Protein backbone atom coordinates (compact mmCIF):
# COMPACT_ATOMS: atom_id res chain seq x y z
CA UNK A 1 0.00 0.00 0.00
CA UNK A 2 1.39 3.35 -0.98
CA UNK A 3 1.60 5.90 1.79
CA UNK A 4 3.02 9.18 0.56
CA UNK A 5 1.95 12.79 0.20
CA UNK A 6 0.38 13.45 -3.17
CA UNK A 7 -1.47 16.58 -4.17
CA UNK A 8 -5.14 15.94 -3.73
CA UNK A 9 -7.78 18.59 -4.04
CA UNK A 10 -11.38 18.40 -2.93
CA UNK A 11 -14.10 20.83 -3.72
CA UNK A 12 -17.39 20.69 -1.89
CA UNK A 13 -19.94 23.09 -3.28
CA UNK A 14 -23.62 23.48 -2.50
CA UNK A 15 -24.68 25.57 -5.47
CA UNK A 16 -23.87 28.85 -3.78
CA UNK A 17 -20.21 27.89 -3.56
CA UNK A 18 -17.46 28.02 -6.11
CA UNK A 19 -18.67 25.15 -8.34
CA UNK A 20 -20.42 26.31 -11.47
CA UNK A 21 -23.85 24.84 -12.08
CA UNK A 22 -25.15 23.65 -15.39
CA UNK A 23 -26.89 26.86 -16.32
CA UNK A 24 -23.61 28.76 -16.00
CA UNK A 25 -21.80 26.42 -18.39
CA UNK A 26 -24.37 25.09 -20.85
CA UNK A 27 -28.13 25.75 -20.85
CA UNK A 28 -29.71 22.31 -20.79
CA UNK A 29 -33.02 21.30 -19.32
CA UNK A 30 -33.12 18.57 -16.67
CA UNK A 31 -36.03 16.16 -16.66
CA UNK A 32 -37.36 17.62 -13.38
CA UNK A 33 -41.09 17.08 -12.93
CA UNK A 34 -41.23 14.32 -15.54
CA UNK A 35 -39.98 11.95 -12.82
CA UNK A 36 -43.24 12.29 -10.93
CA UNK A 37 -45.48 10.66 -13.54
CA UNK A 38 -47.04 7.35 -12.56
CA UNK A 39 -45.68 4.31 -14.32
CA UNK A 40 -47.58 1.03 -14.64
CA UNK A 41 -46.35 -1.72 -12.39
CA UNK A 42 -45.28 -3.69 -15.46
CA UNK A 43 -44.86 -2.34 -18.97
CA UNK A 44 -44.66 -4.38 -22.14
CA UNK A 45 -41.47 -4.81 -24.12
CA UNK A 46 -41.76 -1.95 -26.55
CA UNK A 47 -40.62 -1.58 -30.13
CA UNK A 48 -38.96 1.76 -29.42
CA UNK A 49 -35.39 1.77 -30.68
CA UNK A 50 -32.80 4.54 -30.61
CA UNK A 51 -30.55 5.03 -33.63
CA UNK A 52 -27.41 7.01 -32.84
CA UNK A 53 -24.66 8.68 -34.83
CA UNK A 54 -21.53 6.53 -34.26
CA UNK A 55 -19.39 9.68 -34.50
CA UNK A 56 -21.25 11.23 -31.55
CA UNK A 57 -22.31 8.24 -29.45
CA UNK A 58 -20.04 7.64 -26.42
CA UNK A 59 -21.55 4.90 -24.23
CA UNK A 60 -24.58 3.61 -22.31
CA UNK A 61 -24.31 4.24 -18.57
CA UNK A 62 -27.12 3.18 -16.27
CA UNK A 63 -30.89 3.27 -15.66
CA UNK A 64 -32.44 6.55 -14.53
CA UNK A 65 -35.85 4.98 -13.90
CA UNK A 66 -37.66 1.73 -14.72
CA UNK A 67 -37.99 2.80 -18.37
CA UNK A 68 -35.28 5.47 -18.85
CA UNK A 69 -31.72 4.61 -19.86
CA UNK A 70 -28.79 6.97 -19.32
CA UNK A 71 -26.40 7.40 -22.25
CA UNK A 72 -23.63 9.81 -23.23
CA UNK A 73 -22.97 11.64 -26.52
CA UNK A 74 -20.17 13.96 -27.58
CA UNK A 75 -21.15 16.92 -29.76
CA UNK A 76 -18.75 19.75 -30.68
CA UNK A 77 -16.35 18.76 -27.88
CA UNK A 78 -19.06 18.69 -25.16
CA UNK A 79 -20.24 15.48 -23.48
CA UNK A 80 -24.01 15.36 -23.01
CA UNK A 81 -25.54 12.96 -20.48
CA UNK A 82 -29.09 12.14 -21.57
CA UNK A 83 -31.91 9.70 -20.91
CA UNK A 84 -33.86 7.61 -23.42
CA UNK A 85 -37.31 6.30 -22.52
CA UNK A 86 -37.82 2.84 -24.02
CA UNK A 87 -41.58 3.18 -23.56
CA UNK A 88 -42.11 6.55 -25.27
CA UNK A 89 -38.91 7.17 -27.23
CA UNK A 90 -38.42 10.52 -25.47
CA UNK A 91 -34.90 11.86 -25.00
CA UNK A 92 -34.11 14.27 -22.17
CA UNK A 93 -30.87 16.10 -21.33
CA UNK A 94 -29.54 15.80 -17.78
CA UNK A 95 -26.09 17.37 -17.78
CA UNK A 96 -23.32 18.75 -20.02
CA UNK A 97 -19.61 18.29 -19.31
CA UNK A 98 -16.56 19.75 -21.05
CA UNK A 99 -14.11 17.09 -19.79
CA UNK A 100 -13.97 13.49 -20.98
CA UNK A 101 -16.76 11.47 -19.33
CA UNK A 102 -15.38 8.08 -18.28
CA UNK A 103 -18.41 6.62 -16.51
CA UNK A 104 -21.85 7.51 -15.17
CA UNK A 105 -23.72 5.93 -12.26
CA UNK A 106 -27.23 6.50 -10.87
CA UNK A 107 -27.69 6.20 -7.12
CA UNK A 108 -30.03 3.28 -6.27
CA UNK A 109 -32.11 5.16 -3.70
CA UNK A 110 -31.77 8.85 -4.66
CA UNK A 111 -32.17 10.73 -7.95
CA UNK A 112 -28.50 11.63 -8.26
CA UNK A 113 -25.81 11.07 -10.88
CA UNK A 114 -22.20 10.26 -10.17
CA UNK A 115 -20.12 11.43 -13.14
CA UNK A 116 -16.50 10.27 -13.43
CA UNK A 117 -14.53 12.60 -15.68
CA UNK A 118 -10.90 12.90 -16.76
CA UNK A 119 -9.85 16.56 -17.23
CA UNK A 120 -6.42 15.37 -18.38
CA UNK A 121 -4.29 12.21 -18.50
CA UNK A 122 -3.03 12.55 -14.92
CA UNK A 123 -6.21 13.40 -13.02
CA UNK A 124 -9.73 12.21 -12.32
CA UNK A 125 -12.78 14.10 -11.07
CA UNK A 126 -15.92 12.72 -9.49
CA UNK A 127 -19.02 14.92 -9.55
CA UNK A 128 -22.39 14.39 -7.85
CA UNK A 129 -25.08 15.92 -10.06
CA UNK A 130 -28.70 16.66 -9.09
CA UNK A 131 -31.82 15.99 -11.16
CA UNK A 132 -31.74 19.64 -12.22
CA UNK A 133 -28.24 19.17 -13.64
CA UNK A 134 -26.41 21.05 -10.87
CA UNK A 135 -23.07 19.92 -9.47
CA UNK A 136 -23.55 19.36 -5.74
CA UNK A 137 -20.17 17.86 -4.78
CA UNK A 138 -16.88 17.51 -6.61
CA UNK A 139 -13.77 15.50 -5.78
CA UNK A 140 -10.56 15.94 -7.79
CA UNK A 141 -7.78 13.35 -7.55
CA UNK A 142 -4.26 13.24 -9.00
CA UNK A 143 -4.61 9.77 -10.46
CA UNK A 144 -5.51 8.73 -13.98
CA UNK A 145 -7.20 5.51 -12.89
CA UNK A 146 -9.67 5.21 -10.03
CA UNK A 147 -12.22 2.76 -8.61
CA UNK A 148 -15.45 4.07 -7.08
CA UNK A 149 -17.67 2.47 -4.44
CA UNK A 150 -20.80 4.56 -3.84
CA UNK A 151 -22.74 3.77 -0.68
CA UNK A 152 -26.18 2.44 -1.69
CA UNK A 153 -27.87 3.78 1.47
CA UNK A 154 -26.22 7.20 1.81
CA UNK A 155 -25.18 9.07 -1.33
CA UNK A 156 -22.82 11.30 0.69
CA UNK A 157 -20.45 8.36 1.32
CA UNK A 158 -17.95 7.37 -1.35
CA UNK A 159 -14.91 5.10 -1.28
CA UNK A 160 -12.37 6.06 -3.92
CA UNK A 161 -9.29 4.03 -4.82
CA UNK A 162 -6.50 5.87 -6.63
CA UNK A 163 -4.08 3.70 -8.64
CA UNK A 164 -0.57 4.84 -9.47
CA UNK A 165 1.89 4.03 -12.23
CA UNK A 166 4.08 1.93 -9.91
CA UNK A 167 1.12 -0.47 -9.28
CA UNK A 168 0.45 0.89 -5.79
CA UNK A 169 -2.83 2.40 -4.64
CA UNK A 170 -4.54 4.35 -1.88
CA UNK A 171 -8.12 4.03 -0.65
CA UNK A 172 -9.83 7.29 0.36
CA UNK A 173 -13.11 7.98 2.10
CA UNK A 174 -15.27 10.96 1.18
CA UNK A 175 -18.09 12.06 3.51
CA UNK A 176 -20.10 14.79 1.83
CA UNK A 177 -22.17 15.59 4.92
CA UNK A 178 -19.07 16.23 7.02
CA UNK A 179 -17.15 17.65 4.05
CA UNK A 180 -14.25 15.33 4.85
CA UNK A 181 -11.88 13.53 2.52
CA UNK A 182 -9.13 11.34 3.92
CA UNK A 183 -6.88 8.35 3.57
CA UNK A 184 -8.05 5.02 5.04
CA UNK A 185 -6.05 2.05 6.33
CA UNK A 186 -7.82 -0.37 3.99
CA UNK A 187 -5.42 -2.61 2.05
CA UNK A 188 -7.90 -3.94 -0.50
CA UNK A 189 -8.29 -1.79 -3.64
CA UNK A 190 -11.90 -2.92 -4.07
CA UNK A 191 -13.64 -2.66 -0.67
CA UNK A 192 -17.43 -2.72 -0.30
CA UNK A 193 -19.78 -0.77 1.93
CA UNK A 194 -21.84 -2.74 4.42
CA UNK A 195 -24.43 -0.34 5.78
CA UNK A 196 -23.20 3.21 6.39
CA UNK A 197 -20.57 2.61 9.08
CA UNK A 198 -18.78 -0.57 8.04
CA UNK A 199 -16.55 -1.49 5.10
CA UNK A 200 -15.79 -5.07 4.05
CA UNK A 201 -12.42 -5.81 2.47
CA UNK A 202 -10.38 -8.89 1.69
CA UNK A 203 -6.87 -10.01 2.59
CA UNK A 204 -5.87 -12.38 -0.19
CA UNK A 205 -3.68 -15.45 -0.02
CA UNK A 206 -0.64 -15.76 -2.26
CA UNK A 207 -2.68 -16.95 -5.22
CA UNK A 208 -6.01 -15.39 -6.22
CA UNK A 209 -7.52 -18.79 -6.98
CA UNK A 210 -7.16 -19.67 -3.30
CA UNK A 211 -9.32 -16.74 -2.21
CA UNK A 212 -8.77 -14.78 0.98
CA UNK A 213 -10.12 -13.80 4.38
CA UNK A 214 -12.77 -11.10 4.84
CA UNK A 215 -12.35 -8.25 7.31
CA UNK A 216 -14.72 -5.53 8.43
CA UNK A 217 -13.52 -1.97 9.08
CA UNK A 218 -15.61 0.09 11.51
CA UNK A 219 -15.69 3.82 10.72
CA UNK A 220 -16.80 4.72 14.24
CA UNK A 221 -14.07 2.88 16.16
CA UNK A 222 -11.43 2.86 13.41
CA UNK A 223 -10.83 -0.83 14.11
CA UNK A 224 -10.71 -3.74 11.68
CA UNK A 225 -11.72 -7.25 12.66
CA UNK A 226 -11.86 -10.59 10.82
CA UNK A 227 -15.30 -11.91 9.96
CA UNK A 228 -14.27 -15.54 10.28
CA UNK A 229 -14.80 -16.11 6.56
CA UNK A 230 -11.83 -17.63 4.74
CA UNK A 231 -11.14 -18.97 1.24
CA UNK A 232 -13.58 -16.40 -0.14
CA UNK A 233 -13.01 -15.95 -3.88
CA UNK A 234 -15.67 -13.26 -4.39
CA UNK A 235 -17.87 -11.05 -2.24
CA UNK A 236 -20.44 -8.32 -2.70
CA UNK A 237 -22.76 -6.32 -0.42
CA UNK A 238 -26.30 -4.96 -0.47
CA UNK A 239 -27.09 -2.48 2.31
CA UNK A 240 -26.07 -4.44 5.44
CA UNK A 241 -26.11 -7.88 3.77
CA UNK A 242 -23.00 -9.71 2.59
CA UNK A 243 -22.72 -12.14 -0.34
CA UNK A 244 -19.77 -14.55 -0.26
CA UNK A 245 -18.57 -17.18 -2.74
CA UNK A 246 -16.32 -20.12 -1.91
CA UNK A 247 -15.16 -22.93 -4.20
CA UNK A 248 -16.26 -26.42 -3.14
CA UNK A 249 -14.41 -28.21 -5.91
CA UNK A 250 -12.97 -27.33 -9.30
CA UNK A 251 -16.33 -26.57 -10.94
CA UNK A 252 -18.77 -25.71 -8.12
CA UNK A 253 -19.14 -22.35 -6.36
CA UNK A 254 -21.01 -22.05 -3.06
CA UNK A 255 -22.90 -18.79 -2.49
CA UNK A 256 -24.06 -17.45 0.89
CA UNK A 257 -26.04 -14.33 1.81
CA UNK A 258 -25.18 -13.32 5.36
CA UNK A 259 -27.26 -10.84 7.36
CA UNK A 260 -26.03 -8.22 9.80
CA UNK A 261 -26.24 -10.76 12.65
CA UNK A 262 -23.70 -12.98 10.88
CA UNK A 263 -26.18 -15.76 10.08
CA UNK A 264 -26.61 -17.04 6.54
CA UNK A 265 -30.12 -16.27 5.31
CA UNK A 266 -29.84 -18.26 2.07
CA UNK A 267 -27.33 -20.31 0.12
CA UNK A 268 -27.04 -22.02 -3.27
CA UNK A 269 -24.52 -23.51 -5.69
CA UNK A 270 -23.61 -22.47 -9.23
CA UNK A 271 -20.98 -23.47 -11.83
CA UNK A 272 -17.53 -22.00 -11.21
CA UNK A 273 -15.67 -20.39 -14.11
CA UNK A 274 -12.02 -19.30 -14.22
CA UNK A 275 -9.61 -17.72 -16.69
CA UNK A 276 -6.65 -19.75 -15.38
CA UNK A 277 -5.23 -17.04 -13.09
CA UNK A 278 -8.43 -16.08 -11.23
CA UNK A 279 -12.07 -16.95 -10.82
CA UNK A 280 -14.63 -15.15 -12.98
CA UNK A 281 -17.73 -13.91 -11.15
CA UNK A 282 -19.96 -11.41 -12.96
CA UNK A 283 -21.37 -8.69 -10.72
CA UNK A 284 -24.88 -9.55 -9.48
CA UNK A 285 -27.82 -7.18 -9.61
CA UNK A 286 -29.63 -6.98 -6.26
CA UNK A 287 -33.42 -6.64 -6.26
CA UNK A 288 -33.69 -7.08 -2.48
CA UNK A 289 -31.72 -8.65 0.34
CA UNK A 290 -32.96 -12.10 -0.75
CA UNK A 291 -33.44 -11.64 -4.51
CA UNK A 292 -30.73 -11.21 -7.19
CA UNK A 293 -30.12 -11.49 -10.92
CA UNK A 294 -26.80 -13.11 -11.84
CA UNK A 295 -25.21 -13.85 -15.24
CA UNK A 296 -24.10 -17.49 -15.06
CA UNK A 297 -23.02 -20.32 -17.32
CA UNK A 298 -24.71 -23.69 -17.45
CA UNK A 299 -21.47 -25.53 -16.73
CA UNK A 300 -18.20 -24.67 -15.01
CA UNK A 301 -14.68 -24.74 -16.37
CA UNK A 302 -12.19 -22.54 -18.19
CA UNK A 303 -13.84 -19.46 -19.67
CA UNK A 304 -12.23 -19.78 -23.10
CA UNK A 305 -13.28 -23.41 -23.40
CA UNK A 306 -16.95 -23.00 -22.59
CA UNK A 307 -19.25 -23.60 -25.54
CA UNK A 308 -22.32 -21.88 -24.11
CA UNK A 309 -22.93 -18.20 -23.37
CA UNK A 310 -24.08 -16.69 -20.10
CA UNK A 311 -27.67 -16.94 -18.92
CA UNK A 312 -29.61 -14.66 -16.57
CA UNK A 313 -30.43 -16.56 -13.39
CA UNK A 314 -32.82 -15.16 -10.81
CA UNK A 315 -32.05 -16.13 -7.22
CA UNK A 316 -34.79 -15.82 -4.62
CA UNK A 317 -34.29 -17.23 -1.13
CA UNK A 318 -31.64 -19.56 -2.57
CA UNK A 319 -33.90 -20.93 -5.31
CA UNK A 320 -32.71 -20.55 -8.93
CA UNK A 321 -34.67 -19.80 -12.08
CA UNK A 322 -33.28 -19.13 -15.56
CA UNK A 323 -35.05 -16.03 -16.89
CA UNK A 324 -32.84 -15.07 -19.84
CA UNK A 325 -31.24 -17.55 -22.22
CA UNK A 326 -31.26 -15.91 -25.64
CA UNK A 327 -27.58 -16.39 -26.43
CA UNK A 328 -26.69 -12.69 -26.32
CA UNK A 329 -26.18 -12.40 -22.56
CA UNK A 330 -22.68 -11.27 -21.62
CA UNK A 331 -21.06 -11.27 -18.21
CA UNK A 332 -22.25 -7.69 -17.68
CA UNK A 333 -25.84 -6.86 -16.75
CA UNK A 334 -27.23 -3.38 -16.15
CA UNK A 335 -30.80 -3.76 -14.89
CA UNK A 336 -33.68 -1.37 -14.28
CA UNK A 337 -34.47 -0.57 -10.62
CA UNK A 338 -37.49 -2.89 -10.56
CA UNK A 339 -35.53 -5.67 -12.25
CA UNK A 340 -37.93 -6.08 -15.17
CA UNK A 341 -35.41 -5.08 -17.83
CA UNK A 342 -31.70 -5.81 -18.20
CA UNK A 343 -29.23 -4.41 -20.69
CA UNK A 344 -26.46 -6.64 -22.00
CA UNK A 345 -24.19 -6.99 -25.01
CA UNK A 346 -20.85 -5.42 -25.85
CA UNK A 347 -22.35 -1.91 -25.97
CA UNK A 348 -25.41 -2.75 -23.84
CA UNK A 349 -27.46 -2.72 -27.04
CA UNK A 350 -29.62 -5.70 -26.07
CA UNK A 351 -32.71 -5.25 -23.89
CA UNK A 352 -34.08 -8.31 -22.08
CA UNK A 353 -37.50 -8.42 -20.44
CA UNK A 354 -36.77 -10.67 -17.48
CA UNK A 355 -40.43 -11.32 -16.70
CA UNK A 356 -41.39 -12.36 -20.23
CA UNK A 357 -37.97 -13.78 -21.20
CA UNK A 358 -37.95 -11.71 -24.40
CA UNK A 359 -35.06 -9.90 -26.04
CA UNK A 360 -34.78 -6.99 -28.46
CA UNK A 361 -32.11 -4.67 -29.82
CA UNK A 362 -32.98 -1.21 -28.53
CA UNK A 363 -29.76 0.60 -29.55
CA UNK A 364 -28.89 0.89 -33.24
CA UNK A 365 -25.32 1.94 -34.05
CA UNK A 366 -24.85 2.06 -37.85
CA UNK A 367 -21.50 0.82 -39.10
């Protein structure tokens, strides 16, 4: 772990401060009141498709609502973050940015955007943007490559890992409510929030295929303690729940969801896939503390030797159901908040209705 003084700057602005809002830079209209309209509990897979100019299209980011997809375009040197409604075909502008937009996330419980930008090749900036397109918080870091872990219960809490050219890294904690930004003692570059006061991280063995031991860092006491979970090859969190994966044999992975009390609330087994040097576990999409969507293969083994593609498997209380098996599912899923739709494909161009097990191409990128 690198421990040295590097120039870091942090800017916390609440509109009246020094950060310029959207209207000062580029007059775009946020979607505002359109978020308040009532949506049906379940909408049909629609024939609405969006054709984009390949010279302007940048990437697909996230879901803004159950029917609105966030995407980014670049026009005349400005990056525009917009939404596309798959039900109506409407396009709305959220925010304009002059720096390169690297990634965009939507907070799972609040209508906020996290925009990761790169003003130059040696720096990264993270901005929290409101529904009106105003920059609320801004964090600037002297690192060209960063990892972001946004707390799913409190949007003011962000873990930020800065990677350096000599393969070292630092993990920082940003607390927007306290306007604090500081270095942590965490030695895992990819820690996960568990609730709002605890952070789970892993101490790996010599070889990644052997997994590691999980530890929990307490923000209140500043202490780190082992969770008694070893040989963990993958973990994830949802609010105060912890998902762990351990390998039972060469081709079987054992999944556990553990509650705040430390007791497993559900468990199941799935095929284990590796790429020789490490295990391959696509990120799950959480619908609730007991319900997930996971891209998974039918059989385990080496990734480059598998003949079948990924499938979408719904897990509920440990029970499995295949809900997407169209042959276009990749290891990456980006799902709507209610879990009805999932985007997949190399450019997230495929739209899968999980409930009806139907697939369509919603994004058209002419060659």
